[in-house]
Amino acid sequence: MITRRNLLKGTAATGLVAATGAFPMPAIAQGAKIRVGYVSPQSGPLAAFAEADNFILSNFASSEAASQFEIIVKDSQSNPNRAAEVAQDLIVDDEVDLMMVASTPETTNPVTTTAEAEGIPLIS
């Protein structure tokens, strides 16, 4: 005879087995690293905005998550034309999957425009 208690025990046992991974998990292929292009003004009048970049990137590089990413850093030299140029280089030559940009609108807007035109996601 099935009692409420036996039914709850069976349900709990089934949930426990499922939660502990007794069922095989789908295989996840180990793919290539995600290439991230990062444009910031490391020189020129806006260099103060990028002062902490090396510290942050080195901390990230020592983390476990860094093994899944390749970060390519380019200097915009605080110049809007140079920012657009290095963004284009990252997209075309380095074939980045994602772009990141930091600073002021003078250097972020050209990178944003280039990434949008090329269909590359961008985080600002």
PDB file of N, CA and C in Angstrom:
ATOM      1  N   MET A   1       0.833  -1.168   0.000  1.00  0.00           N
ATOM      2  CA  MET A   1       0.000   0.000   0.000  1.00  0.00           C
ATOM      3  C   MET A   1       0.887   1.244   0.000  1.00  0.00           C
ATOM      4  N   ILE A   2       0.528   2.189  -0.841  1.00  0.00           N
ATOM      5  CA  ILE A   2       1.301   3.415  -0.942  1.00  0.00           C
ATOM      6  C   ILE A   2       0.715   4.427   0.032  1.00  0.00           C
ATOM      7  N   THR A   3       1.571   4.829   0.953  1.00  0.00           N
ATOM      8  CA  THR A   3       1.151   5.853   1.904  1.00  0.00           C
ATOM      9  C   THR A   3       1.768   7.183   1.485  1.00  0.00           C
ATOM     10  N   ARG A   4       1.277   8.209   2.059  1.00  0.00           N
ATOM     11  CA  ARG A   4       1.802   9.541   1.759  1.00  0.00           C
ATOM     12  C   ARG A   4       3.281   9.605   2.121  1.00  0.00           C
ATOM     13  N   ARG A   5       3.648   9.006   3.247  1.00  0.00           N
ATOM     14  CA  ARG A   5       5.032   9.008   3.713  1.00  0.00           C
ATOM     15  C   ARG A   5       5.945   8.300   2.712  1.00  0.00           C
ATOM     16  N   ASN A   6       5.534   7.114   2.221  1.00  0.00           N
ATOM     17  CA  ASN A   6       6.350   6.369   1.253  1.00  0.00           C
ATOM     18  C   ASN A   6       6.472   7.132  -0.069  1.00  0.00           C
ATOM     19  N   LEU A   7       5.392   7.770  -0.482  1.00  0.00           N
ATOM     20  CA  LEU A   7       5.424   8.551  -1.709  1.00  0.00           C
ATOM     21  C   LEU A   7       6.405   9.717  -1.584  1.00  0.00           C
ATOM     22  N   LEU A   8       6.370  10.418  -0.453  1.00  0.00           N
ATOM     23  CA  LEU A   8       7.288  11.534  -0.243  1.00  0.00           C
ATOM     24  C   LEU A   8       8.737  11.062  -0.163  1.00  0.00           C
ATOM     25  N   LYS A   9       8.980   9.922   0.481  1.00  0.00           N
ATOM     26  CA  LYS A   9      10.337   9.369   0.554  1.00  0.00           C
ATOM     27  C   LYS A   9      10.855   9.038  -0.840  1.00  0.00           C
ATOM     28  N   GLY A  10      10.007   8.409  -1.643  1.00  0.00           N
ATOM     29  CA  GLY A  10      10.404   8.050  -3.006  1.00  0.00           C
ATOM     30  C   GLY A  10      10.687   9.279  -3.855  1.00  0.00           C
ATOM     31  N   THR A  11       9.847  10.287  -3.722  1.00  0.00           N
ATOM     32  CA  THR A  11      10.048  11.525  -4.473  1.00  0.00           C
ATOM     33  C   THR A  11      11.332  12.223  -4.036  1.00  0.00           C
ATOM     34  N   ALA A  12      11.567  12.259  -2.733  1.00  0.00           N
ATOM     35  CA  ALA A  12      12.785  12.886  -2.218  1.00  0.00           C
ATOM     36  C   ALA A  12      14.023  12.132  -2.679  1.00  0.00           C
ATOM     37  N   ALA A  13      13.967  10.804  -2.671  1.00  0.00           N
ATOM     38  CA  ALA A  13      15.106  10.001  -3.119  1.00  0.00           C
ATOM     39  C   ALA A  13      15.384  10.239  -4.603  1.00  0.00           C
ATOM     40  N   THR A  14      14.336  10.319  -5.400  1.00  0.00           N
ATOM     41  CA  THR A  14      14.505  10.573  -6.830  1.00  0.00           C
ATOM     42  C   THR A  14      15.123  11.952  -7.055  1.00  0.00           C
ATOM     43  N   GLY A  15      14.657  12.941  -6.321  1.00  0.00           N
ATOM     44  CA  GLY A  15      15.218  14.288  -6.430  1.00  0.00           C
ATOM     45  C   GLY A  15      16.669  14.336  -6.007  1.00  0.00           C
ATOM     46  N   LEU A  16      17.013  13.598  -4.961  1.00  0.00           N
ATOM     47  CA  LEU A  16      18.392  13.552  -4.488  1.00  0.00           C
ATOM     48  C   LEU A  16      19.308  12.910  -5.519  1.00  0.00           C
ATOM     49  N   VAL A  17      18.854  11.820  -6.120  1.00  0.00           N
ATOM     50  CA  VAL A  17      19.649  11.143  -7.148  1.00  0.00           C
ATOM     51  C   VAL A  17      19.865  12.077  -8.335  1.00  0.00           C
ATOM     52  N   ALA A  18      18.823  12.780  -8.731  1.00  0.00           N
ATOM     53  CA  ALA A  18      18.950  13.699  -9.869  1.00  0.00           C
ATOM     54  C   ALA A  18      19.892  14.851  -9.540  1.00  0.00           C
ATOM     55  N   ALA A  19      19.822  15.349  -8.313  1.00  0.00           N
ATOM     56  CA  ALA A  19      20.656  16.479  -7.919  1.00  0.00           C
ATOM     57  C   ALA A  19      22.122  16.106  -7.775  1.00  0.00           C
ATOM     58  N   THR A  20      22.415  14.873  -7.452  1.00  0.00           N
ATOM     59  CA  THR A  20      23.809  14.470  -7.262  1.00  0.00           C
ATOM     60  C   THR A  20      24.484  14.076  -8.553  1.00  0.00           C
ATOM     61  N   GLY A  21      23.776  14.105  -9.642  1.00  0.00           N
ATOM     62  CA  GLY A  21      24.401  13.828 -10.923  1.00  0.00           C
ATOM     63  C   GLY A  21      24.482  12.361 -11.269  1.00  0.00           C
ATOM     64  N   ALA A  22      23.599  11.553 -10.755  1.00  0.00           N
ATOM     65  CA  ALA A  22      23.619  10.134 -11.096  1.00  0.00           C
ATOM     66  C   ALA A  22      23.256   9.929 -12.564  1.00  0.00           C
ATOM     67  N   PHE A  23      22.525  10.879 -13.111  1.00  0.00           N
ATOM     68  CA  PHE A  23      22.203  10.796 -14.525  1.00  0.00           C
ATOM     69  C   PHE A  23      23.340  11.437 -15.316  1.00  0.00           C
ATOM     70  N   PRO A  24      23.677  10.876 -16.438  1.00  0.00           N
ATOM     71  CA  PRO A  24      24.790  11.450 -17.199  1.00  0.00           C
ATOM     72  C   PRO A  24      24.455  12.849 -17.700  1.00  0.00           C
ATOM     73  N   MET A  25      25.447  13.733 -17.618  1.00  0.00           N
ATOM     74  CA  MET A  25      25.287  15.098 -18.096  1.00  0.00           C
ATOM     75  C   MET A  25      25.721  15.155 -19.559  1.00  0.00           C
ATOM     76  N   PRO A  26      25.139  16.034 -20.336  1.00  0.00           N
ATOM     77  CA  PRO A  26      25.564  16.147 -21.734  1.00  0.00           C
ATOM     78  C   PRO A  26      27.008  16.629 -21.807  1.00  0.00           C
ATOM     79  N   ALA A  27      27.720  16.129 -22.782  1.00  0.00           N
ATOM     80  CA  ALA A  27      29.111  16.529 -22.960  1.00  0.00           C
ATOM     81  C   ALA A  27      29.167  17.946 -23.507  1.00  0.00           C
ATOM     82  N   ILE A  28      30.039  18.743 -22.933  1.00  0.00           N
ATOM     83  CA  ILE A  28      30.229  20.107 -23.397  1.00  0.00           C
ATOM     84  C   ILE A  28      31.609  20.175 -24.032  1.00  0.00           C
ATOM     85  N   ALA A  29      31.629  20.504 -25.297  1.00  0.00           N
ATOM     86  CA  ALA A  29      32.899  20.542 -26.019  1.00  0.00           C
ATOM     87  C   ALA A  29      33.776  21.664 -25.487  1.00  0.00           C
ATOM     88  N   GLN A  30      35.058  21.392 -25.411  1.00  0.00           N
ATOM     89  CA  GLN A  30      36.010  22.398 -24.989  1.00  0.00           C
ATOM     90  C   GLN A  30      36.363  23.224 -26.214  1.00  0.00           C
ATOM     91  N   GLY A  31      35.775  24.372 -26.340  1.00  0.00           N
ATOM     92  CA  GLY A  31      35.971  25.193 -27.523  1.00  0.00           C
ATOM     93  C   GLY A  31      37.171  26.103 -27.399  1.00  0.00           C
ATOM     94  N   ALA A  32      37.359  26.897 -28.423  1.00  0.00           N
ATOM     95  CA  ALA A  32      38.448  27.863 -28.438  1.00  0.00           C
ATOM     96  C   ALA A  32      38.156  28.986 -27.447  1.00  0.00           C
ATOM     97  N   LYS A  33      39.193  29.693 -27.080  1.00  0.00           N
ATOM     98  CA  LYS A  33      39.028  30.814 -26.166  1.00  0.00           C
ATOM     99  C   LYS A  33      38.199  31.912 -26.823  1.00  0.00           C
ATOM    100  N   ILE A  34      37.477  32.638 -26.006  1.00  0.00           N
ATOM    101  CA  ILE A  34      36.721  33.791 -26.479  1.00  0.00           C
ATOM    102  C   ILE A  34      37.698  34.956 -26.575  1.00  0.00           C
ATOM    103  N   ARG A  35      37.789  35.531 -27.758  1.00  0.00           N
ATOM    104  CA  ARG A  35      38.728  36.633 -27.986  1.00  0.00           C
ATOM    105  C   ARG A  35      38.015  37.956 -27.709  1.00  0.00           C
ATOM    106  N   VAL A  36      38.575  38.723 -26.778  1.00  0.00           N
ATOM    107  CA  VAL A  36      37.990  39.998 -26.375  1.00  0.00           C
ATOM    108  C   VAL A  36      38.968  41.117 -26.721  1.00  0.00           C
ATOM    109  N   GLY A  37      38.503  42.085 -27.482  1.00  0.00           N
ATOM    110  CA  GLY A  37      39.313  43.260 -27.795  1.00  0.00           C
ATOM    111  C   GLY A  37      38.980  44.383 -26.834  1.00  0.00           C
ATOM    112  N   TYR A  38      40.010  45.002 -26.260  1.00  0.00           N
ATOM    113  CA  TYR A  38      39.803  46.072 -25.282  1.00  0.00           C
ATOM    114  C   TYR A  38      40.537  47.324 -25.741  1.00  0.00           C
ATOM    115  N   VAL A  39      39.803  48.405 -25.960  1.00  0.00           N
ATOM    116  CA  VAL A  39      40.380  49.672 -26.402  1.00  0.00           C
ATOM    117  C   VAL A  39      40.250  50.680 -25.264  1.00  0.00           C
ATOM    118  N   SER A  40      41.385  51.268 -24.881  1.00  0.00           N
ATOM    119  CA  SER A  40      41.369  52.302 -23.852  1.00  0.00           C
ATOM    120  C   SER A  40      42.509  53.283 -24.108  1.00  0.00           C
ATOM    121  N   PRO A  41      42.394  54.507 -23.579  1.00  0.00           N
ATOM    122  CA  PRO A  41      43.434  55.514 -23.800  1.00  0.00           C
ATOM    123  C   PRO A  41      44.588  55.328 -22.816  1.00  0.00           C
ATOM    124  N   GLN A  42      45.552  54.530 -23.157  1.00  0.00           N
ATOM    125  CA  GLN A  42      46.669  54.256 -22.256  1.00  0.00           C
ATOM    126  C   GLN A  42      47.748  55.323 -22.333  1.00  0.00           C
ATOM    127  N   SER A  43      47.654  56.193 -23.331  1.00  0.00           N
ATOM    128  CA  SER A  43      48.576  57.321 -23.447  1.00  0.00           C
ATOM    129  C   SER A  43      47.782  58.539 -23.902  1.00  0.00           C
ATOM    130  N   GLY A  44      48.394  59.707 -23.794  1.00  0.00           N
ATOM    131  CA  GLY A  44      47.711  60.930 -24.180  1.00  0.00           C
ATOM    132  C   GLY A  44      46.974  61.562 -23.012  1.00  0.00           C
ATOM    133  N   PRO A  45      46.216  62.622 -23.273  1.00  0.00           N
ATOM    134  CA  PRO A  45      45.559  63.367 -22.198  1.00  0.00           C
ATOM    135  C   PRO A  45      44.514  62.573 -21.408  1.00  0.00           C
ATOM    136  N   LEU A  46      43.956  61.526 -21.982  1.00  0.00           N
ATOM    137  CA  LEU A  46      42.927  60.740 -21.281  1.00  0.00           C
ATOM    138  C   LEU A  46      43.499  59.496 -20.595  1.00  0.00           C
ATOM    139  N   ALA A  47      44.813  59.392 -20.512  1.00  0.00           N
ATOM    140  CA  ALA A  47      45.454  58.193 -19.963  1.00  0.00           C
ATOM    141  C   ALA A  47      45.056  57.915 -18.513  1.00  0.00           C
ATOM    142  N   ALA A  48      44.637  58.937 -17.788  1.00  0.00           N
ATOM    143  CA  ALA A  48      44.227  58.725 -16.397  1.00  0.00           C
ATOM    144  C   ALA A  48      43.049  57.763 -16.299  1.00  0.00           C
ATOM    145  N   PHE A  49      42.216  57.717 -17.340  1.00  0.00           N
ATOM    146  CA  PHE A  49      41.080  56.799 -17.332  1.00  0.00           C
ATOM    147  C   PHE A  49      41.522  55.342 -17.407  1.00  0.00           C
ATOM    148  N   ALA A  50      42.706  55.090 -17.932  1.00  0.00           N
ATOM    149  CA  ALA A  50      43.193  53.719 -18.111  1.00  0.00           C
ATOM    150  C   ALA A  50      44.257  53.344 -17.088  1.00  0.00           C
ATOM    151  N   GLU A  51      44.433  54.177 -16.085  1.00  0.00           N
ATOM    152  CA  GLU A  51      45.489  53.948 -15.106  1.00  0.00           C
ATOM    153  C   GLU A  51      45.391  52.590 -14.420  1.00  0.00           C
ATOM    154  N   ALA A  52      44.211  52.136 -14.123  1.00  0.00           N
ATOM    155  CA  ALA A  52      44.029  50.872 -13.402  1.00  0.00           C
ATOM    156  C   ALA A  52      43.928  49.658 -14.319  1.00  0.00           C
ATOM    157  N   ASP A  53      43.959  49.858 -15.623  1.00  0.00           N
ATOM    158  CA  ASP A  53      43.760  48.751 -16.570  1.00  0.00           C
ATOM    159  C   ASP A  53      44.725  47.593 -16.354  1.00  0.00           C
ATOM    160  N   ASN A  54      46.025  47.891 -16.250  1.00  0.00           N
ATOM    161  CA  ASN A  54      47.007  46.812 -16.095  1.00  0.00           C
ATOM    162  C   ASN A  54      46.773  46.021 -14.819  1.00  0.00           C
ATOM    163  N   PHE A  55      46.428  46.713 -13.731  1.00  0.00           N
ATOM    164  CA  PHE A  55      46.152  46.038 -12.461  1.00  0.00           C
ATOM    165  C   PHE A  55      44.942  45.113 -12.587  1.00  0.00           C
ATOM    166  N   ILE A  56      43.881  45.618 -13.175  1.00  0.00           N
ATOM    167  CA  ILE A  56      42.654  44.827 -13.320  1.00  0.00           C
ATOM    168  C   ILE A  56      42.872  43.645 -14.255  1.00  0.00           C
ATOM    169  N   LEU A  57      43.542  43.876 -15.367  1.00  0.00           N
ATOM    170  CA  LEU A  57      43.780  42.791 -16.327  1.00  0.00           C
ATOM    171  C   LEU A  57      44.715  41.726 -15.757  1.00  0.00           C
ATOM    172  N   SER A  58      45.708  42.123 -14.968  1.00  0.00           N
ATOM    173  CA  SER A  58      46.594  41.116 -14.367  1.00  0.00           C
ATOM    174  C   SER A  58      45.856  40.312 -13.304  1.00  0.00           C
ATOM    175  N   ASN A  59      44.966  40.955 -12.553  1.00  0.00           N
ATOM    176  CA  ASN A  59      44.149  40.204 -11.586  1.00  0.00           C
ATOM    177  C   ASN A  59      43.234  39.221 -12.303  1.00  0.00           C
ATOM    178  N   PHE A  60      42.636  39.659 -13.401  1.00  0.00           N
ATOM    179  CA  PHE A  60      41.776  38.763 -14.164  1.00  0.00           C
ATOM    180  C   PHE A  60      42.583  37.608 -14.738  1.00  0.00           C
ATOM    181  N   ALA A  61      43.779  37.900 -15.235  1.00  0.00           N
ATOM    182  CA  ALA A  61      44.621  36.862 -15.840  1.00  0.00           C
ATOM    183  C   ALA A  61      44.988  35.770 -14.842  1.00  0.00           C
ATOM    184  N   SER A  62      45.036  36.111 -13.558  1.00  0.00           N
ATOM    185  CA  SER A  62      45.382  35.109 -12.549  1.00  0.00           C
ATOM    186  C   SER A  62      44.157  34.348 -12.042  1.00  0.00           C
ATOM    187  N   SER A  63      42.974  34.690 -12.536  1.00  0.00           N
ATOM    188  CA  SER A  63      41.759  33.999 -12.096  1.00  0.00           C
ATOM    189  C   SER A  63      41.519  32.745 -12.931  1.00  0.00           C
ATOM    190  N   GLU A  64      40.663  31.888 -12.414  1.00  0.00           N
ATOM    191  CA  GLU A  64      40.325  30.646 -13.113  1.00  0.00           C
ATOM    192  C   GLU A  64      39.554  30.919 -14.404  1.00  0.00           C
ATOM    193  N   ALA A  65      38.730  31.945 -14.400  1.00  0.00           N
ATOM    194  CA  ALA A  65      37.914  32.275 -15.577  1.00  0.00           C
ATOM    195  C   ALA A  65      38.762  32.725 -16.760  1.00  0.00           C
ATOM    196  N   ALA A  66      39.959  33.214 -16.500  1.00  0.00           N
ATOM    197  CA  ALA A  66      40.812  33.737 -17.575  1.00  0.00           C
ATOM    198  C   ALA A  66      41.204  32.670 -18.581  1.00  0.00           C
ATOM    199  N   SER A  67      41.139  31.418 -18.196  1.00  0.00           N
ATOM    200  CA  SER A  67      41.529  30.348 -19.116  1.00  0.00           C
ATOM    201  C   SER A  67      40.569  30.235 -20.298  1.00  0.00           C
ATOM    202  N   GLN A  68      39.401  30.847 -20.190  1.00  0.00           N
ATOM    203  CA  GLN A  68      38.408  30.782 -21.257  1.00  0.00           C
ATOM    204  C   GLN A  68      38.454  32.002 -22.173  1.00  0.00           C
ATOM    205  N   PHE A  69      39.313  32.974 -21.850  1.00  0.00           N
ATOM    206  CA  PHE A  69      39.347  34.227 -22.591  1.00  0.00           C
ATOM    207  C   PHE A  69      40.757  34.574 -23.046  1.00  0.00           C
ATOM    208  N   GLU A  70      40.831  35.275 -24.167  1.00  0.00           N
ATOM    209  CA  GLU A  70      42.068  35.898 -24.621  1.00  0.00           C
ATOM    210  C   GLU A  70      41.751  37.375 -24.790  1.00  0.00           C
ATOM    211  N   ILE A  71      42.391  38.216 -23.989  1.00  0.00           N
ATOM    212  CA  ILE A  71      42.117  39.649 -24.038  1.00  0.00           C
ATOM    213  C   ILE A  71      43.245  40.340 -24.792  1.00  0.00           C
ATOM    214  N   ILE A  72      42.871  41.080 -25.826  1.00  0.00           N
ATOM    215  CA  ILE A  72      43.826  41.813 -26.649  1.00  0.00           C
ATOM    216  C   ILE A  72      43.607  43.297 -26.381  1.00  0.00           C
ATOM    217  N   VAL A  73      44.616  43.950 -25.815  1.00  0.00           N
ATOM    218  CA  VAL A  73      44.504  45.349 -25.409  1.00  0.00           C
ATOM    219  C   VAL A  73      45.156  46.246 -26.458  1.00  0.00           C
ATOM    220  N   LYS A  74      44.443  47.309 -26.821  1.00  0.00           N
ATOM    221  CA  LYS A  74      44.964  48.297 -27.778  1.00  0.00           C
ATOM    222  C   LYS A  74      44.828  49.698 -27.180  1.00  0.00           C
ATOM    223  N   ASP A  75      45.796  50.544 -27.479  1.00  0.00           N
ATOM    224  CA  ASP A  75      45.836  51.919 -26.991  1.00  0.00           C
ATOM    225  C   ASP A  75      45.206  52.857 -28.020  1.00  0.00           C
ATOM    226  N   SER A  76      44.206  53.619 -27.596  1.00  0.00           N
ATOM    227  CA  SER A  76      43.581  54.589 -28.501  1.00  0.00           C
ATOM    228  C   SER A  76      44.385  55.883 -28.576  1.00  0.00           C
ATOM    229  N   GLN A  77      45.379  56.030 -27.719  1.00  0.00           N
ATOM    230  CA  GLN A  77      46.235  57.220 -27.650  1.00  0.00           C
ATOM    231  C   GLN A  77      45.417  58.494 -27.447  1.00  0.00           C
ATOM    232  N   SER A  78      44.257  58.366 -26.833  1.00  0.00           N
ATOM    233  CA  SER A  78      43.351  59.490 -26.565  1.00  0.00           C
ATOM    234  C   SER A  78      42.920  60.209 -27.840  1.00  0.00           C
ATOM    235  N   ASN A  79      42.924  59.502 -28.954  1.00  0.00           N
ATOM    236  CA  ASN A  79      42.608  60.086 -30.255  1.00  0.00           C
ATOM    237  C   ASN A  79      41.421  59.339 -30.867  1.00  0.00           C
ATOM    238  N   PRO A  80      40.349  60.047 -31.222  1.00  0.00           N
ATOM    239  CA  PRO A  80      39.171  59.376 -31.788  1.00  0.00           C
ATOM    240  C   PRO A  80      39.464  58.602 -33.069  1.00  0.00           C
ATOM    241  N   ASN A  81      40.298  59.164 -33.942  1.00  0.00           N
ATOM    242  CA  ASN A  81      40.634  58.463 -35.186  1.00  0.00           C
ATOM    243  C   ASN A  81      41.423  57.192 -34.905  1.00  0.00           C
ATOM    244  N   ARG A  82      42.350  57.287 -33.971  1.00  0.00           N
ATOM    245  CA  ARG A  82      43.144  56.111 -33.590  1.00  0.00           C
ATOM    246  C   ARG A  82      42.243  55.059 -32.930  1.00  0.00           C
ATOM    247  N   ALA A  83      41.272  55.485 -32.135  1.00  0.00           N
ATOM    248  CA  ALA A  83      40.350  54.548 -31.486  1.00  0.00           C
ATOM    249  C   ALA A  83      39.579  53.745 -32.527  1.00  0.00           C
ATOM    250  N   ALA A  84      39.074  54.413 -33.557  1.00  0.00           N
ATOM    251  CA  ALA A  84      38.348  53.714 -34.626  1.00  0.00           C
ATOM    252  C   ALA A  84      39.276  52.779 -35.388  1.00  0.00           C
ATOM    253  N   GLU A  85      40.515  53.221 -35.593  1.00  0.00           N
ATOM    254  CA  GLU A  85      41.494  52.407 -36.329  1.00  0.00           C
ATOM    255  C   GLU A  85      41.847  51.118 -35.581  1.00  0.00           C
ATOM    256  N   VAL A  86      42.114  51.228 -34.269  1.00  0.00           N
ATOM    257  CA  VAL A  86      42.471  50.014 -33.521  1.00  0.00           C
ATOM    258  C   VAL A  86      41.263  49.101 -33.352  1.00  0.00           C
ATOM    259  N   ALA A  87      40.065  49.684 -33.276  1.00  0.00           N
ATOM    260  CA  ALA A  87      38.858  48.855 -33.210  1.00  0.00           C
ATOM    261  C   ALA A  87      38.718  48.040 -34.489  1.00  0.00           C
ATOM    262  N   GLN A  88      38.946  48.685 -35.628  1.00  0.00           N
ATOM    263  CA  GLN A  88      38.884  47.979 -36.913  1.00  0.00           C
ATOM    264  C   GLN A  88      39.953  46.887 -36.981  1.00  0.00           C
ATOM    265  N   ASP A  89      41.160  47.183 -36.485  1.00  0.00           N
ATOM    266  CA  ASP A  89      42.238  46.183 -36.459  1.00  0.00           C
ATOM    267  C   ASP A  89      41.851  44.976 -35.605  1.00  0.00           C
ATOM    268  N   LEU A  90      41.258  45.246 -34.447  1.00  0.00           N
ATOM    269  CA  LEU A  90      40.849  44.148 -33.565  1.00  0.00           C
ATOM    270  C   LEU A  90      39.809  43.262 -34.235  1.00  0.00           C
ATOM    271  N   ILE A  91      38.887  43.869 -34.937  1.00  0.00           N
ATOM    272  CA  ILE A  91      37.806  43.111 -35.570  1.00  0.00           C
ATOM    273  C   ILE A  91      38.303  42.348 -36.793  1.00  0.00           C
ATOM    274  N   VAL A  92      39.054  43.016 -37.654  1.00  0.00           N
ATOM    275  CA  VAL A  92      39.468  42.411 -38.922  1.00  0.00           C
ATOM    276  C   VAL A  92      40.698  41.521 -38.754  1.00  0.00           C
ATOM    277  N   ASP A  93      41.751  42.056 -38.137  1.00  0.00           N
ATOM    278  CA  ASP A  93      43.011  41.315 -38.040  1.00  0.00           C
ATOM    279  C   ASP A  93      43.015  40.286 -36.911  1.00  0.00           C
ATOM    280  N   ASP A  94      42.551  40.705 -35.727  1.00  0.00           N
ATOM    281  CA  ASP A  94      42.586  39.813 -34.562  1.00  0.00           C
ATOM    282  C   ASP A  94      41.342  38.948 -34.432  1.00  0.00           C
ATOM    283  N   GLU A  95      40.317  39.235 -35.211  1.00  0.00           N
ATOM    284  CA  GLU A  95      39.069  38.465 -35.233  1.00  0.00           C
ATOM    285  C   GLU A  95      38.476  38.260 -33.835  1.00  0.00           C
ATOM    286  N   VAL A  96      38.279  39.373 -33.116  1.00  0.00           N
ATOM    287  CA  VAL A  96      37.718  39.290 -31.772  1.00  0.00           C
ATOM    288  C   VAL A  96      36.239  38.910 -31.827  1.00  0.00           C
ATOM    289  N   ASP A  97      35.779  38.269 -30.754  1.00  0.00           N
ATOM    290  CA  ASP A  97      34.376  37.875 -30.633  1.00  0.00           C
ATOM    291  C   ASP A  97      33.549  38.942 -29.928  1.00  0.00           C
ATOM    292  N   LEU A  98      34.224  39.778 -29.145  1.00  0.00           N
ATOM    293  CA  LEU A  98      33.566  40.768 -28.300  1.00  0.00           C
ATOM    294  C   LEU A  98      34.509  41.949 -28.138  1.00  0.00           C
ATOM    295  N   MET A  99      33.957  43.151 -28.059  1.00  0.00           N
ATOM    296  CA  MET A  99      34.768  44.351 -27.841  1.00  0.00           C
ATOM    297  C   MET A  99      34.387  44.981 -26.513  1.00  0.00           C
ATOM    298  N   MET A 100      35.377  45.577 -25.871  1.00  0.00           N
ATOM    299  CA  MET A 100      35.150  46.391 -24.679  1.00  0.00           C
ATOM    300  C   MET A 100      35.875  47.709 -24.901  1.00  0.00           C
ATOM    301  N   VAL A 101      35.294  48.786 -24.407  1.00  0.00           N
ATOM    302  CA  VAL A 101      35.910  50.101 -24.565  1.00  0.00           C
ATOM    303  C   VAL A 101      35.675  50.896 -23.288  1.00  0.00           C
ATOM    304  N   ALA A 102      36.652  51.742 -22.947  1.00  0.00           N
ATOM    305  CA  ALA A 102      36.517  52.553 -21.746  1.00  0.00           C
ATOM    306  C   ALA A 102      37.111  53.927 -21.989  1.00  0.00           C
ATOM    307  N   SER A 103      36.522  54.912 -21.364  1.00  0.00           N
ATOM    308  CA  SER A 103      37.034  56.275 -21.349  1.00  0.00           C
ATOM    309  C   SER A 103      35.897  57.258 -21.501  1.00  0.00           C
ATOM    310  N   THR A 104      36.115  58.262 -22.333  1.00  0.00           N
ATOM    311  CA  THR A 104      35.131  59.322 -22.548  1.00  0.00           C
ATOM    312  C   THR A 104      34.485  59.154 -23.924  1.00  0.00           C
ATOM    313  N   PRO A 105      33.411  59.868 -24.192  1.00  0.00           N
ATOM    314  CA  PRO A 105      32.740  59.726 -25.493  1.00  0.00           C
ATOM    315  C   PRO A 105      33.646  59.991 -26.696  1.00  0.00           C
ATOM    316  N   GLU A 106      34.661  60.832 -26.518  1.00  0.00           N
ATOM    317  CA  GLU A 106      35.555  61.142 -27.640  1.00  0.00           C
ATOM    318  C   GLU A 106      36.228  59.893 -28.193  1.00  0.00           C
ATOM    319  N   THR A 107      36.543  58.934 -27.322  1.00  0.00           N
ATOM    320  CA  THR A 107      37.212  57.715 -27.799  1.00  0.00           C
ATOM    321  C   THR A 107      36.310  56.489 -27.781  1.00  0.00           C
ATOM    322  N   THR A 108      35.229  56.522 -27.016  1.00  0.00           N
ATOM    323  CA  THR A 108      34.345  55.352 -27.005  1.00  0.00           C
ATOM    324  C   THR A 108      33.377  55.344 -28.186  1.00  0.00           C
ATOM    325  N   ASN A 109      32.897  56.515 -28.589  1.00  0.00           N
ATOM    326  CA  ASN A 109      31.930  56.563 -29.696  1.00  0.00           C
ATOM    327  C   ASN A 109      32.477  56.014 -31.009  1.00  0.00           C
ATOM    328  N   PRO A 110      33.713  56.338 -31.413  1.00  0.00           N
ATOM    329  CA  PRO A 110      34.224  55.752 -32.657  1.00  0.00           C
ATOM    330  C   PRO A 110      34.347  54.228 -32.595  1.00  0.00           C
ATOM    331  N   VAL A 111      34.715  53.714 -31.428  1.00  0.00           N
ATOM    332  CA  VAL A 111      34.818  52.256 -31.265  1.00  0.00           C
ATOM    333  C   VAL A 111      33.431  51.630 -31.344  1.00  0.00           C
ATOM    334  N   THR A 112      32.461  52.274 -30.708  1.00  0.00           N
ATOM    335  CA  THR A 112      31.086  51.787 -30.735  1.00  0.00           C
ATOM    336  C   THR A 112      30.539  51.760 -32.159  1.00  0.00           C
ATOM    337  N   THR A 113      30.787  52.816 -32.906  1.00  0.00           N
ATOM    338  CA  THR A 113      30.324  52.896 -34.295  1.00  0.00           C
ATOM    339  C   THR A 113      30.946  51.800 -35.148  1.00  0.00           C
ATOM    340  N   THR A 114      32.242  51.581 -34.973  1.00  0.00           N
ATOM    341  CA  THR A 114      32.942  50.545 -35.741  1.00  0.00           C
ATOM    342  C   THR A 114      32.417  49.159 -35.397  1.00  0.00           C
ATOM    343  N   ALA A 115      32.258  48.878 -34.101  1.00  0.00           N
ATOM    344  CA  ALA A 115      31.763  47.564 -33.676  1.00  0.00           C
ATOM    345  C   ALA A 115      30.343  47.327 -34.187  1.00  0.00           C
ATOM    346  N   GLU A 116      29.513  48.354 -34.130  1.00  0.00           N
ATOM    347  CA  GLU A 116      28.135  48.215 -34.614  1.00  0.00           C
ATOM    348  C   GLU A 116      28.108  47.944 -36.117  1.00  0.00           C
ATOM    349  N   ALA A 117      28.947  48.646 -36.857  1.00  0.00           N
ATOM    350  CA  ALA A 117      28.995  48.456 -38.312  1.00  0.00           C
ATOM    351  C   ALA A 117      29.460  47.055 -38.685  1.00  0.00           C
ATOM    352  N   GLU A 118      30.332  46.478 -37.863  1.00  0.00           N
ATOM    353  CA  GLU A 118      30.879  45.145 -38.141  1.00  0.00           C
ATOM    354  C   GLU A 118      30.069  44.024 -37.482  1.00  0.00           C
ATOM    355  N   GLY A 119      29.053  44.386 -36.690  1.00  0.00           N
ATOM    356  CA  GLY A 119      28.210  43.375 -36.047  1.00  0.00           C
ATOM    357  C   GLY A 119      28.877  42.670 -34.881  1.00  0.00           C
ATOM    358  N   ILE A 120      29.781  43.363 -34.197  1.00  0.00           N
ATOM    359  CA  ILE A 120      30.486  42.790 -33.047  1.00  0.00           C
ATOM    360  C   ILE A 120      29.863  43.350 -31.770  1.00  0.00           C
ATOM    361  N   PRO A 121      29.501  42.495 -30.805  1.00  0.00           N
ATOM    362  CA  PRO A 121      28.956  42.992 -29.538  1.00  0.00           C
ATOM    363  C   PRO A 121      29.997  43.841 -28.807  1.00  0.00           C
ATOM    364  N   LEU A 122      29.535  44.872 -28.118  1.00  0.00           N
ATOM    365  CA  LEU A 122      30.439  45.785 -27.436  1.00  0.00           C
ATOM    366  C   LEU A 122      29.924  46.098 -26.046  1.00  0.00           C
ATOM    367  N   ILE A 123      30.843  46.117 -25.093  1.00  0.00           N
ATOM    368  CA  ILE A 123      30.525  46.521 -23.721  1.00  0.00           C
ATOM    369  C   ILE A 123      31.293  47.798 -23.450  1.00  0.00           C
ATOM    370  N   SER A 124      30.576  48.826 -23.004  1.00  0.00           N
ATOM    371  CA  SER A 124      31.228  50.104 -22.747  1.00  0.00           C
ATOM    372  C   SER A 124      31.095  50.455 -21.283  1.00  0.00           C
TER     373      SER A 124
END
